[in-house]
Structure formats: C-alpha cells, structure tokens
N, C-alpha and C. Protein backbone atom coordinates (compact mmCIF):
# COMPACT_ATOMS: atom_id res chain seq x y z
N UNK A 1 1.09 -1.25 -0.06
CA UNK A 1 -0.04 -0.25 -0.05
C UNK A 1 0.53 1.43 0.14
N UNK A 2 0.60 2.25 -0.76
CA UNK A 2 1.46 3.10 -0.90
C UNK A 2 0.71 4.56 -0.02
N UNK A 3 1.40 5.35 0.53
CA UNK A 3 1.09 6.44 1.13
C UNK A 3 0.96 7.79 0.40
N UNK A 4 -0.30 8.54 0.37
CA UNK A 4 0.60 9.58 -0.56
C UNK A 4 -0.22 10.60 0.47
N UNK A 5 0.23 11.47 0.43
CA UNK A 5 0.48 13.09 1.15
C UNK A 5 0.30 14.15 0.20
N UNK A 6 -1.30 14.78 -0.55
CA UNK A 6 -1.20 15.73 -1.24
C UNK A 6 -1.23 16.75 0.18
N UNK A 7 -1.29 17.11 0.88
CA UNK A 7 -1.02 17.93 2.07
C UNK A 7 -0.21 19.74 0.88
N UNK A 8 0.76 18.71 0.74
CA UNK A 8 1.97 20.06 0.62
C UNK A 8 1.61 20.70 -0.57
N UNK A 9 1.18 19.67 -1.80
CA UNK A 9 0.57 20.39 -2.69
C UNK A 9 -0.34 21.31 -2.84
N UNK A 10 -1.32 21.12 -2.04
CA UNK A 10 -2.58 21.89 -1.77
C UNK A 10 -2.27 22.54 -0.69
N UNK A 11 -1.15 22.71 -0.51
CA UNK A 11 -0.56 24.66 0.69
C UNK A 11 0.30 24.77 -0.38
N UNK A 12 0.69 24.37 -1.04
CA UNK A 12 1.72 25.35 -2.30
C UNK A 12 0.67 26.04 -3.34
N UNK A 13 -0.57 25.54 -3.76
CA UNK A 13 -1.53 26.07 -4.47
C UNK A 13 -1.95 27.98 -4.02
N UNK A 14 -1.74 27.41 -2.93
CA UNK A 14 -2.20 28.24 -2.25
C UNK A 14 -1.34 29.87 -1.43
N UNK A 15 -0.39 29.68 -1.67
CA UNK A 15 1.10 30.38 -2.04
C UNK A 15 0.90 31.48 -2.84
N UNK A 16 0.99 32.83 -2.62
CA UNK A 16 1.19 33.90 -3.29
C UNK A 16 2.21 33.96 -4.66
N UNK A 17 2.34 34.47 -5.41
CA UNK A 17 2.83 34.66 -6.17
C UNK A 17 3.40 35.25 -7.43
N UNK A 18 4.26 36.19 -7.46
CA UNK A 18 4.20 37.50 -8.89
C UNK A 18 4.13 37.10 -10.27
N UNK A 19 2.68 38.21 -10.49
CA UNK A 19 2.70 37.35 -11.76
C UNK A 19 3.20 38.89 -12.61
N UNK A 20 3.10 40.23 -12.09
CA UNK A 20 3.19 41.25 -12.86
C UNK A 20 4.20 42.37 -11.88
N UNK A 21 5.25 42.88 -12.61
CA UNK A 21 6.12 43.61 -11.58
C UNK A 21 5.83 45.19 -12.63
N UNK A 22 4.64 46.11 -11.68
CA UNK A 22 4.01 47.40 -12.24
C UNK A 22 5.42 48.13 -12.34
N UNK A 23 4.61 49.28 -13.77
CA UNK A 23 5.91 50.95 -13.31
C UNK A 23 5.31 51.46 -12.65
N UNK A 24 4.07 51.55 -11.55
CA UNK A 24 3.84 52.22 -10.45
C UNK A 24 2.74 51.84 -9.87
N UNK A 25 2.15 52.51 -8.64
CA UNK A 25 1.29 51.73 -8.02
C UNK A 25 -0.30 51.64 -8.82
N UNK A 26 -0.81 53.10 -9.84
CA UNK A 26 -1.54 53.00 -10.48
C UNK A 26 -1.67 52.27 -11.77
N UNK A 27 -0.56 51.40 -12.09
CA UNK A 27 -0.66 50.74 -12.61
C UNK A 27 -0.70 49.31 -12.22
N UNK A 28 -0.33 48.80 -11.46
CA UNK A 28 -0.74 47.65 -10.82
C UNK A 28 -1.86 47.66 -10.18
N UNK A 29 -2.49 48.60 -9.61
CA UNK A 29 -4.43 49.01 -9.58
C UNK A 29 -4.81 48.63 -10.18
N UNK A 30 -4.52 49.05 -11.61
CA UNK A 30 -5.76 48.77 -13.36
C UNK A 30 -5.52 46.94 -13.26
N UNK A 31 -4.35 46.86 -13.33
CA UNK A 31 -4.19 44.96 -13.43
C UNK A 31 -5.24 44.35 -12.03
N UNK A 32 -4.85 45.18 -10.75
CA UNK A 32 -5.64 44.43 -9.98
C UNK A 32 -7.11 44.29 -9.85
N UNK A 33 -7.61 45.20 -11.03
CA UNK A 33 -9.20 45.33 -10.92
C UNK A 33 -9.45 44.33 -11.56
N UNK A 34 -8.71 44.25 -13.14
CA UNK A 34 -8.90 43.43 -14.42
C UNK A 34 -8.88 42.23 -13.48
N UNK A 35 -7.82 41.37 -12.74
CA UNK A 35 -7.98 39.98 -12.53
C UNK A 35 -9.66 40.21 -11.32
N UNK A 36 -9.45 40.95 -10.30
CA UNK A 36 -10.95 40.51 -9.86
C UNK A 36 -12.06 41.15 -10.13
N UNK A 37 -12.31 41.83 -11.70
CA UNK A 37 -13.28 41.03 -11.99
C UNK A 37 -13.81 40.27 -12.92
N UNK A 38 -12.52 39.36 -13.30
CA UNK A 38 -12.46 38.08 -13.57
C UNK A 38 -12.76 36.82 -12.69
N UNK A 39 -13.10 37.30 -10.96
CA UNK A 39 -13.20 36.42 -10.05
C UNK A 39 -12.38 36.17 -9.40
N UNK A 40 -10.82 36.20 -9.65
CA UNK A 40 -9.43 36.05 -8.90
C UNK A 40 -8.67 36.67 -7.97
N UNK A 41 -8.61 35.59 -6.72
CA UNK A 41 -8.33 36.95 -5.58
C UNK A 41 -6.64 37.60 -5.87
N UNK A 42 -6.37 38.26 -5.84
CA UNK A 42 -5.27 38.25 -5.86
C UNK A 42 -4.67 40.13 -4.66
N UNK A 43 -3.83 40.38 -4.91
CA UNK A 43 -2.91 41.72 -4.11
C UNK A 43 -1.51 42.42 -4.89
N UNK A 44 -1.59 43.26 -3.94
CA UNK A 44 -0.43 44.17 -4.53
C UNK A 44 0.50 44.02 -3.24
N UNK A 45 1.55 43.89 -3.76
CA UNK A 45 2.98 44.17 -2.84
C UNK A 45 3.46 45.10 -3.51
N UNK A 46 4.21 45.78 -1.92
CA UNK A 46 4.94 46.99 -2.32
C UNK A 46 4.64 48.36 -2.16
N UNK A 47 3.37 48.04 -2.49
CA UNK A 47 2.25 49.98 -2.89
C UNK A 47 2.49 50.93 -0.95
N UNK A 48 3.14 49.94 -0.63
CA UNK A 48 3.02 51.36 0.46
C UNK A 48 4.60 51.96 0.70
N UNK A 49 5.46 50.82 0.10
CA UNK A 49 7.37 51.46 -0.05
C UNK A 49 7.19 52.98 -0.83
N UNK A 50 6.46 52.90 -1.84
CA UNK A 50 6.62 53.78 -2.92
C UNK A 50 6.90 55.10 -2.66
N UNK A 51 6.55 55.44 -1.41
CA UNK A 51 7.15 56.90 -0.87
C UNK A 51 8.43 56.93 -0.11
N UNK A 52 9.02 56.13 0.11
CA UNK A 52 10.24 56.09 0.84
C UNK A 52 11.85 55.65 -0.50
N UNK A 53 10.83 56.13 -1.90
CA UNK A 53 12.01 55.90 -2.65
C UNK A 53 13.11 56.97 -2.45
N UNK A 54 14.37 56.34 -2.33
CA UNK A 54 15.20 57.28 -2.19
C UNK A 54 15.60 56.98 -1.10
N UNK A 55 14.99 56.92 0.33
CA UNK A 55 15.46 56.68 0.90
C UNK A 55 16.04 55.50 1.24
N UNK A 56 15.56 53.91 0.80
CA UNK A 56 15.98 52.95 0.48
C UNK A 56 15.81 52.29 -1.34
N UNK A 57 16.77 51.60 -1.45
CA UNK A 57 17.36 51.44 -2.78
C UNK A 57 15.61 50.76 -3.82
N UNK A 58 15.78 51.80 -5.00
CA UNK A 58 14.89 51.39 -5.93
C UNK A 58 13.97 50.29 -6.01
N UNK A 59 15.25 49.34 -6.36
CA UNK A 59 14.32 47.71 -6.56
C UNK A 59 13.42 47.15 -5.44
N UNK A 60 13.63 47.82 -4.38
CA UNK A 60 13.23 47.18 -3.00
C UNK A 60 11.71 47.58 -2.96
N UNK A 61 11.62 49.29 -3.80
CA UNK A 61 10.28 49.65 -3.62
C UNK A 61 9.17 49.45 -4.60
N UNK A 62 9.53 48.23 -5.19
CA UNK A 62 8.72 48.16 -6.56
C UNK A 62 7.62 47.22 -6.49
N UNK A 63 6.47 47.60 -7.14
CA UNK A 63 4.97 47.62 -6.81
C UNK A 63 4.48 46.01 -7.79
N UNK A 64 4.13 44.65 -6.62
CA UNK A 64 3.65 44.37 -7.70
C UNK A 64 2.75 43.20 -7.52
N UNK A 65 2.09 42.71 -8.66
CA UNK A 65 0.60 41.74 -8.50
C UNK A 65 0.86 40.45 -7.97
N UNK A 66 0.24 40.03 -7.12
CA UNK A 66 0.08 38.72 -6.86
C UNK A 66 -0.78 38.15 -6.72
N UNK A 67 -0.78 36.50 -7.02
CA UNK A 67 -2.09 35.30 -6.58
C UNK A 67 -1.67 34.52 -6.54
N UNK A 68 -2.47 33.80 -5.71
CA UNK A 68 -2.32 32.37 -5.56
C UNK A 68 -2.24 31.62 -6.99
N UNK A 69 -0.54 30.65 -6.64
CA UNK A 69 -0.46 29.91 -7.90
C UNK A 69 -1.60 29.63 -8.50
N UNK A 70 -2.12 28.60 -7.19
CA UNK A 70 -3.49 27.20 -8.45
C UNK A 70 -4.19 28.42 -9.15
N UNK A 71 -3.90 29.54 -9.24
CA UNK A 71 -5.05 31.14 -10.29
C UNK A 71 -3.68 31.29 -11.23
N UNK A 72 -2.92 31.03 -11.33
CA UNK A 72 -1.70 31.77 -12.12
C UNK A 72 -1.59 31.74 -13.46
N UNK A 73 -1.98 30.68 -14.01
CA UNK A 73 -2.41 30.40 -15.28
C UNK A 73 -3.45 31.47 -16.07
N UNK A 74 -4.37 31.21 -15.59
CA UNK A 74 -5.51 31.90 -15.86
C UNK A 74 -5.08 34.04 -15.50
N UNK A 75 -4.69 34.11 -14.50
CA UNK A 75 -4.34 35.65 -14.27
C UNK A 75 -3.40 35.77 -15.42
N UNK A 76 -2.33 35.14 -16.04
CA UNK A 76 -1.23 35.38 -17.45
C UNK A 76 -1.68 35.82 -18.69
N UNK A 77 -3.58 34.86 -18.71
CA UNK A 77 -4.06 35.11 -19.61
C UNK A 77 -4.89 36.75 -19.87
N UNK A 78 -5.22 36.87 -18.72
CA UNK A 78 -5.86 38.36 -18.74
C UNK A 78 -5.07 39.09 -18.79
N UNK A 79 -3.24 39.12 -18.28
CA UNK A 79 -2.27 39.55 -18.34
C UNK A 79 -1.74 40.48 -20.00
N UNK A 80 -1.96 38.86 -20.45
CA UNK A 80 -1.55 38.72 -22.18
C UNK A 80 -2.33 39.95 -22.64
N UNK A 81 -3.95 39.44 -22.41
CA UNK A 81 -4.92 40.16 -22.92
C UNK A 81 -4.90 41.77 -22.88
N UNK A 82 -4.06 42.17 -21.83
CA UNK A 82 -3.56 43.76 -21.05
C UNK A 82 -2.92 44.43 -21.72
N UNK A 83 -2.01 43.43 -21.91
CA UNK A 83 -0.91 44.27 -22.74
C UNK A 83 -0.80 44.31 -24.45
N UNK A 84 -1.67 42.82 -24.63
CA UNK A 84 -1.75 43.60 -26.11
C UNK A 84 -2.64 45.02 -26.74
N UNK A 85 -3.56 45.17 -25.45
CA UNK A 85 -4.59 45.96 -25.91
C UNK A 85 -3.29 47.58 -25.12
N UNK A 86 -3.16 47.69 -24.26
CA UNK A 86 -2.05 48.38 -24.38
C UNK A 86 -1.05 48.94 -25.83
N UNK A 87 -0.65 48.19 -25.84
CA UNK A 87 -0.04 47.99 -27.26
C UNK A 87 -0.32 48.85 -28.65
N UNK A 88 -1.91 48.15 -28.58
CA UNK A 88 -2.16 48.35 -29.78
C UNK A 88 -3.18 49.62 -30.04
N UNK A 89 -3.86 50.10 -28.84
CA UNK A 89 -4.74 51.21 -28.77
C UNK A 89 -4.16 52.63 -27.91
N UNK A 90 -4.05 53.60 -29.11
CA UNK A 90 -3.53 54.64 -28.29
C UNK A 90 -4.40 55.09 -27.19
N UNK A 91 -3.53 56.07 -26.73
CA UNK A 91 -3.68 56.46 -25.43
C UNK A 91 -4.93 57.53 -25.84
N UNK A 92 -5.83 58.29 -25.25
CA UNK A 92 -6.49 59.33 -25.90
C UNK A 92 -6.76 60.69 -24.57
N UNK A 93 -6.81 61.83 -25.19
CA UNK A 93 -6.99 62.62 -24.85
C UNK A 93 -9.13 63.09 -24.28
N UNK A 94 -9.39 63.60 -23.28
CA UNK A 94 -10.39 63.71 -22.57
C UNK A 94 -11.33 64.81 -23.43
N UNK A 95 -12.48 64.63 -23.98
CA UNK A 95 -13.31 65.75 -24.70
C UNK A 95 -13.56 67.14 -23.76
N UNK A 96 -13.46 66.50 -22.47
CA UNK A 96 -13.79 67.22 -21.86
C UNK A 96 -13.44 68.19 -20.72
N UNK A 97 -12.19 67.54 -20.29
CA UNK A 97 -11.10 68.38 -19.33
C UNK A 97 -9.85 68.49 -20.54
N UNK A 98 -9.41 67.62 -21.55
CA UNK A 98 -8.16 67.69 -22.35
C UNK A 98 -7.04 66.82 -21.15
N UNK A 99 -7.71 66.23 -20.64
CA UNK A 99 -6.34 65.71 -19.92
C UNK A 99 -6.00 63.90 -20.57
N UNK A 100 -4.47 63.46 -20.66
CA UNK A 100 -4.28 62.74 -21.45
C UNK A 100 -3.94 61.28 -20.63
N UNK A 101 -5.13 60.52 -20.86
CA UNK A 101 -5.43 58.87 -20.35
C UNK A 101 -4.80 58.28 -21.13
N UNK A 102 -4.65 56.84 -20.15
CA UNK A 102 -4.02 55.98 -21.03
C UNK A 102 -4.68 54.93 -22.09
N UNK A 103 -4.41 53.82 -22.83
CA UNK A 103 -5.60 53.64 -23.80
C UNK A 103 -6.17 52.99 -23.39
N UNK A 104 -6.14 51.92 -21.26
CA UNK A 104 -6.64 51.18 -20.57
C UNK A 104 -8.07 51.71 -19.92
N UNK A 105 -7.78 52.81 -19.58
CA UNK A 105 -9.32 54.06 -19.25
C UNK A 105 -10.21 53.78 -20.06
N UNK A 106 -11.41 54.03 -19.75
CA UNK A 106 -12.32 53.75 -19.99
C UNK A 106 -13.37 55.14 -19.48
N UNK A 107 -12.77 55.77 -18.44
CA UNK A 107 -13.41 57.06 -18.15
C UNK A 107 -12.07 57.83 -17.98
N UNK A 108 -11.58 58.92 -18.01
CA UNK A 108 -11.13 60.03 -17.79
C UNK A 108 -10.32 59.94 -16.72
N UNK A 109 -9.15 59.69 -15.45
CA UNK A 109 -8.97 59.72 -14.88
C UNK A 109 -9.49 60.77 -13.51
N UNK A 110 -9.51 62.15 -14.56
CA UNK A 110 -9.38 63.40 -13.82
C UNK A 110 -11.08 63.99 -13.67
N UNK A 111 -11.94 63.54 -14.86
CA UNK A 111 -13.05 64.28 -14.90
C UNK A 111 -14.44 62.48 -14.67
N UNK A 112 -13.72 61.69 -14.48
CA UNK A 112 -14.73 60.75 -14.73
C UNK A 112 -15.89 60.78 -16.60
N UNK A 113 -15.09 61.25 -16.99
CA UNK A 113 -16.01 61.50 -18.42
C UNK A 113 -15.27 60.23 -19.34
N UNK A 114 -16.57 59.77 -19.73
CA UNK A 114 -16.96 58.24 -20.67
C UNK A 114 -15.71 58.38 -21.88
N UNK A 115 -14.78 57.72 -21.92
CA UNK A 115 -14.43 57.60 -23.23
C UNK A 115 -15.05 57.60 -24.32
N UNK A 116 -14.46 58.41 -25.54
CA UNK A 116 -15.54 59.00 -26.81
C UNK A 116 -14.65 58.26 -27.53
N UNK A 117 -15.00 56.42 -28.24
CA UNK A 117 -14.08 56.07 -29.43
C UNK A 117 -14.74 57.10 -30.83
C-alpha cells in the first residue's frame, strides 16, 4: 500500500506568486482590477514602499501584483490580453477636460468623462 500525502501540494497551491511588476501603483491597481473582475483573488505587494523611494534602494520599492499559485495560469492570460490592448490601442485625450489618459482607461481619470471612441 502506498501512502500519498497531498497536503504539501495543496499548501503550495495557496501561496502567493508575483505575476506582474508594475511601473507604478496606478498600473498595479489597473491590473488588480482586471484580475478581480475575473473572480481571481489578488493583492498588491510593495504599494506602501513607494513613498520611501530615495530612502531605500529603488528595486526594493517595486510594486507587484500577486495571485495564488493555483490561479496563476488564468491571471497570466488576463495579463496577455491587457498587454495586447495596451500596445495596440492609442492613448486618448478627454474631450471634456483635455487630460491625457492611457489606452486602458474607459473613463477620464481626472473628470470621469466616458471615453469617446
């Protein structure tokens, strides 16, 4: 008779893994929102360290998005879609306040006007 212990593989499935290193906190929150909208639990690591830039080394202040190992594959597919949209769609200027917005924004970050395609 073989004794199989699956508790370690189950434990590993619920460990956090970094799937994206963001340029800034805003981008990390965009990614987090996309992943949460798909029903995947995630968190941002390093967000509070952004204020310490200059006091501690830059590489220690990096903001990253993390998901559970068990959801990594699905979350990475969401990232692929995000990066394709980010590269293919142009940034846009709000018709209401003339603020520059990234291609992934559907609403102006400044005045919340809906993007006019």
